[in-house]
């Protein structure tokens, strides 16, 4: 049975999102470890660092999900 294109899009999106999330987490961990080593501290996840990252992710998702007509209207401003 052939899969519906919506199902395929969801599966591809989920896999791509998981892989990008793992890569982003690895980059974040490396950054925090380097910063903590320079300061001589133990690495910790803080809310002050997590909130801006979450807001940036929401901004990217908003840009991706916006219809093409709205995207071009934003560029004209």
Protein backbone atom coordinates (compact mmCIF):
# COMPACT_ATOMS: atom_id res chain seq x y z
CA UNK A 1 0.00 0.00 0.00
CA UNK A 2 1.39 3.40 -0.99
CA UNK A 3 1.81 5.88 1.85
CA UNK A 4 -0.04 9.13 1.82
CA UNK A 5 2.25 12.11 1.08
CA UNK A 6 1.27 13.67 4.39
CA UNK A 7 2.48 10.63 6.29
CA UNK A 8 5.76 10.68 4.38
CA UNK A 9 6.21 14.39 5.13
CA UNK A 10 5.58 13.76 8.83
CA UNK A 11 8.06 10.88 8.99
CA UNK A 12 10.76 12.79 7.10
CA UNK A 13 10.15 15.88 9.24
CA UNK A 14 10.33 13.86 12.46
CA UNK A 15 13.58 12.17 11.48
CA UNK A 16 15.14 15.42 10.25
CA UNK A 17 14.01 17.23 13.40
CA UNK A 18 15.46 14.55 15.65
CA UNK A 19 18.79 14.62 13.84
CA UNK A 20 18.98 18.41 13.87
CA UNK A 21 18.00 18.42 17.54
CA UNK A 22 20.80 15.99 18.38
CA UNK A 23 23.30 18.10 16.45
CA UNK A 24 22.13 21.29 18.15
CA UNK A 25 22.33 19.64 21.58
CA UNK A 26 25.86 18.43 20.86
CA UNK A 27 26.96 21.92 19.79
CA UNK A 28 25.33 23.41 22.90
CA UNK A 29 27.02 20.87 25.17
CA UNK A 30 30.41 21.59 23.63
CA UNK A 31 29.91 25.33 24.06
CA UNK A 32 28.81 25.03 27.70
CA UNK A 33 31.68 22.65 28.55
CA UNK A 34 34.26 25.00 27.04
CA UNK A 35 32.83 28.02 28.84
CA UNK A 36 32.66 26.14 32.15
CA UNK A 37 36.24 24.89 31.75
CA UNK A 38 37.48 28.45 31.19
CA UNK A 39 35.70 29.63 34.34
CA UNK A 40 36.60 26.53 36.37
CA UNK A 41 32.94 25.71 37.01
CA UNK A 42 30.73 22.65 36.63
CA UNK A 43 28.62 22.78 33.44
CA UNK A 44 24.90 23.33 34.11
CA UNK A 45 21.82 23.94 32.02
CA UNK A 46 20.28 27.21 33.10
CA UNK A 47 16.88 28.64 32.33
CA UNK A 48 18.54 31.91 31.31
CA UNK A 49 20.30 30.11 28.45
CA UNK A 50 17.47 27.71 27.54
CA UNK A 51 14.72 30.32 27.04
CA UNK A 52 16.48 32.29 24.25
CA UNK A 53 17.30 29.03 22.48
CA UNK A 54 13.66 27.94 22.67
CA UNK A 55 12.45 31.29 21.36
CA UNK A 56 14.89 31.11 18.46
CA UNK A 57 13.59 27.64 17.57
CA UNK A 58 10.01 28.94 17.66
CA UNK A 59 11.01 31.80 15.34
CA UNK A 60 12.50 29.36 12.84
CA UNK A 61 9.39 27.18 12.97
CA UNK A 62 7.22 30.25 12.41
CA UNK A 63 9.22 31.17 9.31
CA UNK A 64 8.99 27.62 7.95
CA UNK A 65 5.26 27.32 8.55
CA UNK A 66 4.28 30.72 7.10
CA UNK A 67 2.52 30.54 3.73
CA UNK A 68 4.59 31.87 0.78
CA UNK A 69 2.33 34.94 0.38
CA UNK A 70 3.02 36.04 3.95
CA UNK A 71 6.76 35.44 3.57
CA UNK A 72 7.02 37.75 0.57
CA UNK A 73 4.91 40.42 2.33
CA UNK A 74 7.36 40.43 5.27
CA UNK A 75 10.32 40.95 2.94
CA UNK A 76 8.74 44.06 1.36
CA UNK A 77 8.54 45.91 4.69
